[in-house]
Amino acid sequence: MSDFAEPKTEILAETRNYLVWQAEEPDGEITYHLELGALTVHFFAEEWKEFQELMRALQQ
């Protein structure tokens, strides 16, 4: 039996080509994952918040 716990994952948004999901790691940390075709970008919570602010700035 393995001591490695799998993270709990949840899809936050999805289109035909893109996907955003989050993972709750066994230590309680939340990470965010942005899949853009063959590229996946991983964010810690603080980085994700800053990325969201950046995307909102594009809409103004």
N, C-alpha and C. Protein backbone atom coordinates (compact mmCIF):
# COMPACT_ATOMS: atom_id res chain seq x y z
N MET A 1 0.84 -1.17 0.00
CA MET A 1 0.00 0.00 0.00
C MET A 1 0.89 1.25 0.00
N SER A 2 0.54 2.23 -0.78
CA SER A 2 1.35 3.44 -0.93
C SER A 2 0.92 4.49 0.08
N ASP A 3 1.89 5.26 0.58
CA ASP A 3 1.60 6.37 1.48
C ASP A 3 1.30 7.65 0.71
N PHE A 4 1.37 7.59 -0.63
CA PHE A 4 1.16 8.76 -1.47
C PHE A 4 -0.34 8.97 -1.70
N ALA A 5 -0.87 10.11 -1.24
CA ALA A 5 -2.28 10.43 -1.44
C ALA A 5 -2.44 11.23 -2.72
N GLU A 6 -3.42 10.87 -3.51
CA GLU A 6 -3.71 11.59 -4.75
C GLU A 6 -4.39 12.92 -4.41
N PRO A 7 -4.08 13.99 -5.15
CA PRO A 7 -4.77 15.26 -4.92
C PRO A 7 -6.23 15.17 -5.36
N LYS A 8 -7.07 15.96 -4.72
CA LYS A 8 -8.47 16.09 -5.14
C LYS A 8 -8.51 17.14 -6.24
N THR A 9 -9.09 16.81 -7.38
CA THR A 9 -9.10 17.74 -8.51
C THR A 9 -10.52 18.17 -8.85
N GLU A 10 -10.62 19.36 -9.43
CA GLU A 10 -11.91 19.90 -9.87
C GLU A 10 -11.69 20.75 -11.11
N ILE A 11 -12.48 20.52 -12.15
CA ILE A 11 -12.43 21.34 -13.36
C ILE A 11 -13.18 22.63 -13.07
N LEU A 12 -12.53 23.76 -13.31
CA LEU A 12 -13.11 25.07 -13.07
C LEU A 12 -13.75 25.67 -14.32
N ALA A 13 -13.15 25.42 -15.48
CA ALA A 13 -13.67 25.94 -16.75
C ALA A 13 -13.08 25.11 -17.87
N GLU A 14 -13.87 24.97 -18.94
CA GLU A 14 -13.42 24.14 -20.06
C GLU A 14 -14.08 24.62 -21.35
N THR A 15 -13.27 24.70 -22.39
CA THR A 15 -13.77 24.94 -23.73
C THR A 15 -13.30 23.77 -24.59
N ARG A 16 -13.55 23.85 -25.87
CA ARG A 16 -13.13 22.78 -26.76
C ARG A 16 -11.61 22.57 -26.75
N ASN A 17 -10.86 23.66 -26.60
CA ASN A 17 -9.40 23.59 -26.69
C ASN A 17 -8.65 23.87 -25.39
N TYR A 18 -9.32 24.41 -24.39
CA TYR A 18 -8.63 24.84 -23.18
C TYR A 18 -9.31 24.29 -21.93
N LEU A 19 -8.52 24.20 -20.86
CA LEU A 19 -9.03 23.65 -19.62
C LEU A 19 -8.33 24.31 -18.44
N VAL A 20 -9.10 24.64 -17.40
CA VAL A 20 -8.55 25.15 -16.14
C VAL A 20 -9.07 24.23 -15.04
N TRP A 21 -8.14 23.73 -14.24
CA TRP A 21 -8.53 22.86 -13.14
C TRP A 21 -7.69 23.17 -11.92
N GLN A 22 -8.21 22.77 -10.77
CA GLN A 22 -7.47 22.98 -9.53
C GLN A 22 -7.27 21.64 -8.84
N ALA A 23 -6.23 21.59 -8.04
CA ALA A 23 -5.93 20.39 -7.27
C ALA A 23 -5.70 20.78 -5.82
N GLU A 24 -6.34 20.05 -4.93
CA GLU A 24 -6.04 20.21 -3.51
C GLU A 24 -5.04 19.14 -3.16
N GLU A 25 -3.83 19.58 -2.89
CA GLU A 25 -2.74 18.66 -2.60
C GLU A 25 -2.94 18.03 -1.22
N PRO A 26 -2.33 16.88 -0.97
CA PRO A 26 -2.48 16.21 0.34
C PRO A 26 -2.10 17.09 1.53
N ASP A 27 -1.20 18.07 1.30
CA ASP A 27 -0.80 18.96 2.40
C ASP A 27 -1.76 20.14 2.56
N GLY A 28 -2.85 20.18 1.77
CA GLY A 28 -3.85 21.23 1.86
C GLY A 28 -3.63 22.39 0.93
N GLU A 29 -2.48 22.46 0.26
CA GLU A 29 -2.22 23.55 -0.68
C GLU A 29 -3.06 23.37 -1.95
N ILE A 30 -3.58 24.48 -2.46
CA ILE A 30 -4.35 24.47 -3.70
C ILE A 30 -3.44 24.92 -4.83
N THR A 31 -3.41 24.16 -5.91
CA THR A 31 -2.68 24.56 -7.12
C THR A 31 -3.66 24.65 -8.27
N TYR A 32 -3.33 25.49 -9.24
CA TYR A 32 -4.18 25.72 -10.40
C TYR A 32 -3.41 25.36 -11.65
N HIS A 33 -4.12 24.84 -12.65
CA HIS A 33 -3.49 24.33 -13.86
C HIS A 33 -4.27 24.82 -15.06
N LEU A 34 -3.56 25.46 -15.98
CA LEU A 34 -4.14 26.03 -17.19
C LEU A 34 -3.59 25.23 -18.36
N GLU A 35 -4.45 24.47 -19.02
CA GLU A 35 -4.03 23.65 -20.16
C GLU A 35 -4.42 24.37 -21.45
N LEU A 36 -3.40 24.68 -22.24
CA LEU A 36 -3.57 25.38 -23.52
C LEU A 36 -3.01 24.48 -24.62
N GLY A 37 -3.82 23.58 -25.09
CA GLY A 37 -3.33 22.62 -26.08
C GLY A 37 -2.27 21.74 -25.44
N ALA A 38 -1.08 21.72 -26.03
CA ALA A 38 0.01 20.87 -25.54
C ALA A 38 0.77 21.51 -24.38
N LEU A 39 0.43 22.74 -24.01
CA LEU A 39 1.13 23.47 -22.96
C LEU A 39 0.27 23.49 -21.70
N THR A 40 0.85 23.15 -20.55
CA THR A 40 0.17 23.28 -19.27
C THR A 40 0.99 24.20 -18.39
N VAL A 41 0.32 25.21 -17.81
CA VAL A 41 0.96 26.16 -16.90
C VAL A 41 0.43 25.87 -15.50
N HIS A 42 1.33 25.73 -14.54
CA HIS A 42 0.97 25.42 -13.17
C HIS A 42 1.16 26.65 -12.30
N PHE A 43 0.19 26.92 -11.42
CA PHE A 43 0.24 28.10 -10.55
C PHE A 43 0.01 27.69 -9.10
N PHE A 44 0.75 28.31 -8.18
CA PHE A 44 0.37 28.27 -6.78
C PHE A 44 -0.73 29.31 -6.59
N ALA A 45 -1.43 29.28 -5.47
CA ALA A 45 -2.60 30.15 -5.24
C ALA A 45 -2.27 31.62 -5.44
N GLU A 46 -1.14 32.09 -4.92
CA GLU A 46 -0.79 33.52 -5.04
C GLU A 46 -0.55 33.89 -6.51
N GLU A 47 0.10 32.99 -7.23
CA GLU A 47 0.37 33.23 -8.65
C GLU A 47 -0.93 33.23 -9.45
N TRP A 48 -1.85 32.35 -9.10
CA TRP A 48 -3.14 32.26 -9.79
C TRP A 48 -3.92 33.55 -9.63
N LYS A 49 -3.92 34.09 -8.41
CA LYS A 49 -4.63 35.34 -8.15
C LYS A 49 -4.04 36.47 -9.01
N GLU A 50 -2.72 36.54 -9.08
CA GLU A 50 -2.08 37.57 -9.89
C GLU A 50 -2.38 37.38 -11.38
N PHE A 51 -2.40 36.13 -11.85
CA PHE A 51 -2.74 35.85 -13.24
C PHE A 51 -4.17 36.28 -13.55
N GLN A 52 -5.09 36.02 -12.63
CA GLN A 52 -6.48 36.46 -12.84
C GLN A 52 -6.56 37.98 -12.93
N GLU A 53 -5.81 38.68 -12.09
CA GLU A 53 -5.77 40.15 -12.17
C GLU A 53 -5.25 40.61 -13.53
N LEU A 54 -4.24 39.94 -14.03
CA LEU A 54 -3.68 40.26 -15.34
C LEU A 54 -4.73 40.07 -16.44
N MET A 55 -5.47 38.98 -16.39
CA MET A 55 -6.50 38.72 -17.40
C MET A 55 -7.63 39.73 -17.32
N ARG A 56 -8.01 40.14 -16.10
CA ARG A 56 -9.04 41.16 -15.96
C ARG A 56 -8.58 42.49 -16.55
N ALA A 57 -7.30 42.81 -16.40
CA ALA A 57 -6.75 44.05 -16.95
C ALA A 57 -6.83 44.07 -18.47
N LEU A 58 -6.75 42.91 -19.10
CA LEU A 58 -6.88 42.84 -20.55
C LEU A 58 -8.29 43.20 -21.02
N GLN A 59 -9.28 42.96 -20.19
CA GLN A 59 -10.68 43.19 -20.56
C GLN A 59 -11.08 44.66 -20.44
N GLN A 60 -10.24 45.47 -19.82
CA GLN A 60 -10.61 46.89 -19.60
C GLN A 60 -10.23 47.73 -20.78
